[in-house]
Amino acid sequence: MNVLASTELPTSHGGFRFLAFGQPGDEHPHVALHRPQSGDVADVRIHSECMTGDVFGSLKCDCGPQLNAALDRFGAGGGILIYLRQEGRGIGLVEKIKAYELQAKGWDTLDANLQLGHGADDRSYEAAVWLLRELGIARVRLHSNNPEKVAALNDAGIEVVERMPLETSIAPENAHYLKTKRDRMGHLFEGLLNG
């Protein structure tokens, strides 16, 4: 794996160093937006690609709002957002659209993936670990509600010194999705889902 290119990128959230990383020749490399911080603990968000939420503003998930909330935080105070190209918990866009259609027929997000022959979550965080090491980052405050991300980094030798909740808002369109993440996938919501 390599850093394939980098440049300064001004955004509505603030200025970042924008990096593409992966294998040489990758048409769809992973990317990161990095605003350096002082100290030995970096604020980090590992965000898996969600075209429907991140680009088109889908109300079925909380991905787009989480992405923007993390960029607002890091644009103000520094940090690194690692954007991994693993759509739909690693199943790809076409399969995700099929899963959405199953959800429209009453399946929850987890059972829809399983019904299509996928795992509950097929994502890998190895690329994120590689980039953090490449940047010399060994200790992080991880902005996430997903305990599996915390475990993946700790298991790889990147110390998660603190997990920072990244809760957005609940709406009729995403309430069932968020409750499935909490009740069936172990995601941690401290104030968003009461009851």
C-alpha atoms as a PDB file:
ATOM      1  CA  MET A   1       0.000   0.000   0.000  1.00  0.00           C
ATOM      2  CA  ASN A   2       1.198   3.536  -0.759  1.00  0.00           C
ATOM      3  CA  VAL A   3       0.172   7.151  -0.489  1.00  0.00           C
ATOM      4  CA  LEU A   4      -0.622   7.723  -4.159  1.00  0.00           C
ATOM      5  CA  ALA A   5      -1.100  11.502  -4.166  1.00  0.00           C
ATOM      6  CA  SER A   6      -1.742  14.387  -1.796  1.00  0.00           C
ATOM      7  CA  THR A   7      -2.634  18.056  -1.938  1.00  0.00           C
ATOM      8  CA  GLU A   8      -4.075  20.860   0.151  1.00  0.00           C
ATOM      9  CA  LEU A   9      -7.889  20.978  -0.009  1.00  0.00           C
ATOM     10  CA  PRO A  10      -9.954  23.915   1.259  1.00  0.00           C
ATOM     11  CA  THR A  11     -13.477  22.780   2.203  1.00  0.00           C
ATOM     12  CA  SER A  12     -16.568  24.273   3.805  1.00  0.00           C
ATOM     13  CA  HIS A  13     -15.408  22.523   7.009  1.00  0.00           C
ATOM     14  CA  GLY A  14     -11.889  23.985   6.911  1.00  0.00           C
ATOM     15  CA  GLY A  15      -8.596  23.255   5.216  1.00  0.00           C
ATOM     16  CA  PHE A  16      -7.185  19.739   5.069  1.00  0.00           C
ATOM     17  CA  ARG A  17      -4.373  17.775   3.505  1.00  0.00           C
ATOM     18  CA  PHE A  18      -6.177  15.433   1.089  1.00  0.00           C
ATOM     19  CA  LEU A  19      -4.510  12.057   0.503  1.00  0.00           C
ATOM     20  CA  ALA A  20      -5.322   9.150  -1.775  1.00  0.00           C
ATOM     21  CA  PHE A  21      -3.855   5.828  -0.690  1.00  0.00           C
ATOM     22  CA  GLY A  22      -3.969   2.216  -1.776  1.00  0.00           C
ATOM     23  CA  GLN A  23      -2.289   0.103  -4.426  1.00  0.00           C
ATOM     24  CA  PRO A  24      -0.673   1.739  -7.461  1.00  0.00           C
ATOM     25  CA  GLY A  25      -3.197   1.837 -10.281  1.00  0.00           C
ATOM     26  CA  ASP A  26      -6.245   1.813  -7.984  1.00  0.00           C
ATOM     27  CA  GLU A  27      -9.106   3.571  -9.765  1.00  0.00           C
ATOM     28  CA  HIS A  28     -11.002   3.991  -6.491  1.00  0.00           C
ATOM     29  CA  PRO A  29      -8.387   4.457  -3.766  1.00  0.00           C
ATOM     30  CA  HIS A  30      -9.154   5.147  -0.144  1.00  0.00           C
ATOM     31  CA  VAL A  31      -8.832   8.810   0.819  1.00  0.00           C
ATOM     32  CA  ALA A  32      -8.186  10.831   3.936  1.00  0.00           C
ATOM     33  CA  LEU A  33      -8.591  14.434   5.011  1.00  0.00           C
ATOM     34  CA  HIS A  34      -5.950  15.375   7.567  1.00  0.00           C
ATOM     35  CA  ARG A  35      -5.635  18.539   9.634  1.00  0.00           C
ATOM     36  CA  PRO A  36      -2.587  18.021  11.882  1.00  0.00           C
ATOM     37  CA  GLN A  37      -2.856  18.460  15.629  1.00  0.00           C
ATOM     38  CA  SER A  38      -0.382  19.062  18.421  1.00  0.00           C
ATOM     39  CA  GLY A  39       0.149  16.364  21.026  1.00  0.00           C
ATOM     40  CA  ASP A  40       0.536  12.611  20.721  1.00  0.00           C
ATOM     41  CA  VAL A  41      -3.170  11.695  20.465  1.00  0.00           C
ATOM     42  CA  ALA A  42      -4.968  12.247  17.152  1.00  0.00           C
ATOM     43  CA  ASP A  43      -8.691  12.648  16.655  1.00  0.00           C
ATOM     44  CA  VAL A  44      -9.719  10.048  14.063  1.00  0.00           C
ATOM     45  CA  ARG A  45     -12.897   9.064  12.247  1.00  0.00           C
ATOM     46  CA  ILE A  46     -12.864   5.915  10.105  1.00  0.00           C
ATOM     47  CA  HIS A  47     -15.788   6.345   7.725  1.00  0.00           C
ATOM     48  CA  SER A  48     -16.867   3.708   5.223  1.00  0.00           C
ATOM     49  CA  GLU A  49     -18.161   4.966   1.914  1.00  0.00           C
ATOM     50  CA  CYS A  50     -21.928   5.446   1.683  1.00  0.00           C
ATOM     51  CA  MET A  51     -22.859   6.924  -1.666  1.00  0.00           C
ATOM     52  CA  THR A  52     -26.540   7.137  -0.816  1.00  0.00           C
ATOM     53  CA  GLY A  53     -25.972   8.976   2.467  1.00  0.00           C
ATOM     54  CA  ASP A  54     -22.730  10.865   1.851  1.00  0.00           C
ATOM     55  CA  VAL A  55     -23.500  12.093  -1.672  1.00  0.00           C
ATOM     56  CA  PHE A  56     -27.277  12.011  -2.122  1.00  0.00           C
ATOM     57  CA  GLY A  57     -28.442  12.759   1.421  1.00  0.00           C
ATOM     58  CA  SER A  58     -30.376   9.536   2.011  1.00  0.00           C
ATOM     59  CA  LEU A  59     -32.508   9.629   5.139  1.00  0.00           C
ATOM     60  CA  LYS A  60     -32.321   5.832   5.570  1.00  0.00           C
ATOM     61  CA  CYS A  61     -29.021   6.008   7.481  1.00  0.00           C
ATOM     62  CA  ASP A  62     -26.903   8.378   9.569  1.00  0.00           C
ATOM     63  CA  CYS A  63     -23.790   8.211   7.368  1.00  0.00           C
ATOM     64  CA  GLY A  64     -23.934  11.637   5.720  1.00  0.00           C
ATOM     65  CA  PRO A  65     -24.613  13.512   8.972  1.00  0.00           C
ATOM     66  CA  GLN A  66     -21.827  11.575  10.726  1.00  0.00           C
ATOM     67  CA  LEU A  67     -19.385  12.420   7.922  1.00  0.00           C
ATOM     68  CA  ASN A  68     -20.224  16.116   8.099  1.00  0.00           C
ATOM     69  CA  ALA A  69     -20.154  16.209  11.907  1.00  0.00           C
ATOM     70  CA  ALA A  70     -16.677  14.653  11.937  1.00  0.00           C
ATOM     71  CA  LEU A  71     -15.407  17.091   9.295  1.00  0.00           C
ATOM     72  CA  ASP A  72     -16.827  20.007  11.287  1.00  0.00           C
ATOM     73  CA  ARG A  73     -15.011  18.775  14.404  1.00  0.00           C
ATOM     74  CA  PHE A  74     -11.715  18.199  12.622  1.00  0.00           C
ATOM     75  CA  GLY A  75     -11.901  21.382  10.579  1.00  0.00           C
ATOM     76  CA  ALA A  76     -12.174  23.325  13.817  1.00  0.00           C
ATOM     77  CA  GLY A  77      -9.722  21.427  16.006  1.00  0.00           C
ATOM     78  CA  GLY A  78      -7.686  19.111  13.792  1.00  0.00           C
ATOM     79  CA  GLY A  79      -7.918  15.407  13.156  1.00  0.00           C
ATOM     80  CA  ILE A  80      -8.014  12.873  10.375  1.00  0.00           C
ATOM     81  CA  LEU A  81     -11.008  11.482   8.555  1.00  0.00           C
ATOM     82  CA  ILE A  82     -10.170   8.201   6.820  1.00  0.00           C
ATOM     83  CA  TYR A  83     -12.675   7.450   4.069  1.00  0.00           C
ATOM     84  CA  LEU A  84     -12.590   3.763   3.172  1.00  0.00           C
ATOM     85  CA  ARG A  85     -14.033   2.625  -0.151  1.00  0.00           C
ATOM     86  CA  GLN A  86     -16.123  -0.239   1.235  1.00  0.00           C
ATOM     87  CA  GLU A  87     -19.710   0.619   0.389  1.00  0.00           C
ATOM     88  CA  GLY A  88     -22.599  -1.039   2.213  1.00  0.00           C
ATOM     89  CA  ARG A  89     -20.531  -2.561   5.041  1.00  0.00           C
ATOM     90  CA  GLY A  90     -18.236  -4.038   2.412  1.00  0.00           C
ATOM     91  CA  ILE A  91     -20.802  -5.576   0.029  1.00  0.00           C
ATOM     92  CA  GLY A  92     -20.655  -2.930  -2.713  1.00  0.00           C
ATOM     93  CA  LEU A  93     -23.206  -0.530  -4.141  1.00  0.00           C
ATOM     94  CA  VAL A  94     -25.238  -2.979  -6.249  1.00  0.00           C
ATOM     95  CA  GLU A  95     -25.713  -5.385  -3.346  1.00  0.00           C
ATOM     96  CA  LYS A  96     -26.518  -2.480  -1.044  1.00  0.00           C
ATOM     97  CA  ILE A  97     -29.303  -1.368  -3.392  1.00  0.00           C
ATOM     98  CA  LYS A  98     -30.652  -4.939  -3.338  1.00  0.00           C
ATOM     99  CA  ALA A  99     -30.489  -4.850   0.461  1.00  0.00           C
ATOM    100  CA  TYR A 100     -32.404  -1.555   0.478  1.00  0.00           C
ATOM    101  CA  GLU A 101     -35.140  -3.206  -1.587  1.00  0.00           C
ATOM    102  CA  LEU A 102     -35.368  -6.037   0.953  1.00  0.00           C
ATOM    103  CA  GLN A 103     -35.583  -3.438   3.720  1.00  0.00           C
ATOM    104  CA  ALA A 104     -38.510  -1.838   1.897  1.00  0.00           C
ATOM    105  CA  LYS A 105     -40.231  -5.236   2.192  1.00  0.00           C
ATOM    106  CA  GLY A 106     -39.714  -5.391   5.954  1.00  0.00           C
ATOM    107  CA  TRP A 107     -36.230  -6.846   6.521  1.00  0.00           C
ATOM    108  CA  ASP A 108     -33.889  -4.969   8.820  1.00  0.00           C
ATOM    109  CA  THR A 109     -30.453  -3.879   7.601  1.00  0.00           C
ATOM    110  CA  LEU A 110     -28.680  -6.881   9.141  1.00  0.00           C
ATOM    111  CA  ASP A 111     -31.073  -9.577   7.905  1.00  0.00           C
ATOM    112  CA  ALA A 112     -31.163  -8.023   4.425  1.00  0.00           C
ATOM    113  CA  ASN A 113     -27.392  -8.451   4.093  1.00  0.00           C
ATOM    114  CA  LEU A 114     -27.561 -12.005   5.425  1.00  0.00           C
ATOM    115  CA  GLN A 115     -30.433 -12.861   3.071  1.00  0.00           C
ATOM    116  CA  LEU A 116     -28.209 -11.787   0.147  1.00  0.00           C
ATOM    117  CA  GLY A 117     -25.462 -14.152   1.308  1.00  0.00           C
ATOM    118  CA  HIS A 118     -23.184 -11.582   2.948  1.00  0.00           C
ATOM    119  CA  GLY A 119     -21.869 -11.319   6.464  1.00  0.00           C
ATOM    120  CA  ALA A 120     -23.381  -8.971   9.003  1.00  0.00           C
ATOM    121  CA  ASP A 121     -20.429  -6.637   8.411  1.00  0.00           C
ATOM    122  CA  ASP A 122     -17.805  -7.440   5.757  1.00  0.00           C
ATOM    123  CA  ARG A 123     -15.640  -4.370   6.354  1.00  0.00           C
ATOM    124  CA  SER A 124     -11.920  -4.389   7.071  1.00  0.00           C
ATOM    125  CA  TYR A 125      -9.952  -1.654   8.807  1.00  0.00           C
ATOM    126  CA  GLU A 126      -6.465  -2.771   7.713  1.00  0.00           C
ATOM    127  CA  ALA A 127      -6.087   0.137   5.282  1.00  0.00           C
ATOM    128  CA  ALA A 128      -6.931   2.630   8.033  1.00  0.00           C
ATOM    129  CA  VAL A 129      -4.367   1.028  10.340  1.00  0.00           C
ATOM    130  CA  TRP A 130      -1.772   1.214   7.555  1.00  0.00           C
ATOM    131  CA  LEU A 131      -2.398   4.935   7.014  1.00  0.00           C
ATOM    132  CA  LEU A 132      -2.283   5.758  10.706  1.00  0.00           C
ATOM    133  CA  ARG A 133       1.088   4.006  10.969  1.00  0.00           C
ATOM    134  CA  GLU A 134       2.294   5.767   7.812  1.00  0.00           C
ATOM    135  CA  LEU A 135       1.409   9.100   9.417  1.00  0.00           C
ATOM    136  CA  GLY A 136       3.145   8.125  12.657  1.00  0.00           C
ATOM    137  CA  ILE A 137      -0.100   8.018  14.638  1.00  0.00           C
ATOM    138  CA  ALA A 138      -0.100   5.416  17.422  1.00  0.00           C
ATOM    139  CA  ARG A 139      -2.689   6.833  19.853  1.00  0.00           C
ATOM    140  CA  VAL A 140      -6.153   8.077  18.881  1.00  0.00           C
ATOM    141  CA  ARG A 141      -9.440   9.478  20.091  1.00  0.00           C
ATOM    142  CA  LEU A 142     -11.799   7.526  17.849  1.00  0.00           C
ATOM    143  CA  HIS A 143     -14.974   9.339  16.804  1.00  0.00           C
ATOM    144  CA  SER A 144     -17.361   6.403  16.406  1.00  0.00           C
ATOM    145  CA  ASN A 145     -20.336   4.575  17.887  1.00  0.00           C
ATOM    146  CA  ASN A 146     -19.044   1.208  16.667  1.00  0.00           C
ATOM    147  CA  PRO A 147     -17.131  -0.876  19.235  1.00  0.00           C
ATOM    148  CA  GLU A 148     -15.780  -3.121  16.453  1.00  0.00           C
ATOM    149  CA  LYS A 149     -13.719  -0.203  15.147  1.00  0.00           C
ATOM    150  CA  VAL A 150     -12.286   0.338  18.620  1.00  0.00           C
ATOM    151  CA  ALA A 151     -11.374  -3.353  18.866  1.00  0.00           C
ATOM    152  CA  ALA A 152      -9.887  -3.445  15.347  1.00  0.00           C
ATOM    153  CA  LEU A 153      -7.535  -0.555  16.082  1.00  0.00           C
ATOM    154  CA  ASN A 154      -6.538  -1.803  19.533  1.00  0.00           C
ATOM    155  CA  ASP A 155      -5.924  -5.316  18.151  1.00  0.00           C
ATOM    156  CA  ALA A 156      -3.665  -3.823  15.468  1.00  0.00           C
ATOM    157  CA  GLY A 157      -1.582  -1.915  18.007  1.00  0.00           C
ATOM    158  CA  ILE A 158      -3.175   1.524  17.551  1.00  0.00           C
ATOM    159  CA  GLU A 159      -4.209   2.577  21.054  1.00  0.00           C
ATOM    160  CA  VAL A 160      -7.716   3.998  21.346  1.00  0.00           C
ATOM    161  CA  VAL A 161      -7.351   6.209  24.391  1.00  0.00           C
ATOM    162  CA  GLU A 162     -10.944   7.448  24.146  1.00  0.00           C
ATOM    163  CA  ARG A 163     -14.061   6.777  22.097  1.00  0.00           C
ATOM    164  CA  MET A 164     -15.873   9.966  21.167  1.00  0.00           C
ATOM    165  CA  PRO A 165     -19.596   9.455  20.452  1.00  0.00           C
ATOM    166  CA  LEU A 166     -20.730  10.631  17.033  1.00  0.00           C
ATOM    167  CA  GLU A 167     -24.498  10.785  17.300  1.00  0.00           C
ATOM    168  CA  THR A 168     -26.577  12.773  14.853  1.00  0.00           C
ATOM    169  CA  SER A 169     -30.378  12.847  14.732  1.00  0.00           C
ATOM    170  CA  ILE A 170     -33.131  10.283  14.543  1.00  0.00           C
ATOM    171  CA  ALA A 171     -35.915  10.550  11.968  1.00  0.00           C
ATOM    172  CA  PRO A 172     -38.819   8.309  10.938  1.00  0.00           C
ATOM    173  CA  GLU A 173     -36.812   7.126   7.926  1.00  0.00           C
ATOM    174  CA  ASN A 174     -33.778   5.937   9.920  1.00  0.00           C
ATOM    175  CA  ALA A 175     -35.205   5.010  13.342  1.00  0.00           C
ATOM    176  CA  HIS A 176     -35.443   1.273  12.589  1.00  0.00           C
ATOM    177  CA  TYR A 177     -31.930   1.282  11.086  1.00  0.00           C
ATOM    178  CA  LEU A 178     -30.439   2.972  14.150  1.00  0.00           C
ATOM    179  CA  LYS A 179     -32.256   0.662  16.559  1.00  0.00           C
ATOM    180  CA  THR A 180     -30.968  -2.354  14.613  1.00  0.00           C
ATOM    181  CA  LYS A 181     -27.432  -1.006  14.880  1.00  0.00           C
ATOM    182  CA  ARG A 182     -27.884  -0.604  18.635  1.00  0.00           C
ATOM    183  CA  ASP A 183     -29.817  -3.783  19.444  1.00  0.00           C
ATOM    184  CA  ARG A 184     -28.344  -6.283  16.980  1.00  0.00           C
ATOM    185  CA  MET A 185     -24.908  -4.899  16.105  1.00  0.00           C
ATOM    186  CA  GLY A 186     -23.838  -3.468  19.456  1.00  0.00           C
ATOM    187  CA  HIS A 187     -23.380   0.157  18.408  1.00  0.00           C
ATOM    188  CA  LEU A 188     -23.211   2.548  21.326  1.00  0.00           C
ATOM    189  CA  PHE A 189     -25.710   5.386  21.493  1.00  0.00           C
ATOM    190  CA  GLU A 190     -25.641   7.432  24.655  1.00  0.00           C
ATOM    191  CA  GLY A 191     -28.443   9.920  24.111  1.00  0.00           C
ATOM    192  CA  LEU A 192     -29.918   9.369  20.662  1.00  0.00           C
ATOM    193  CA  LEU A 193     -32.038   6.286  21.309  1.00  0.00           C
ATOM    194  CA  ASN A 194     -33.727   6.259  24.668  1.00  0.00           C
ATOM    195  CA  GLY A 195     -36.100   3.358  25.234  1.00  0.00           C
END
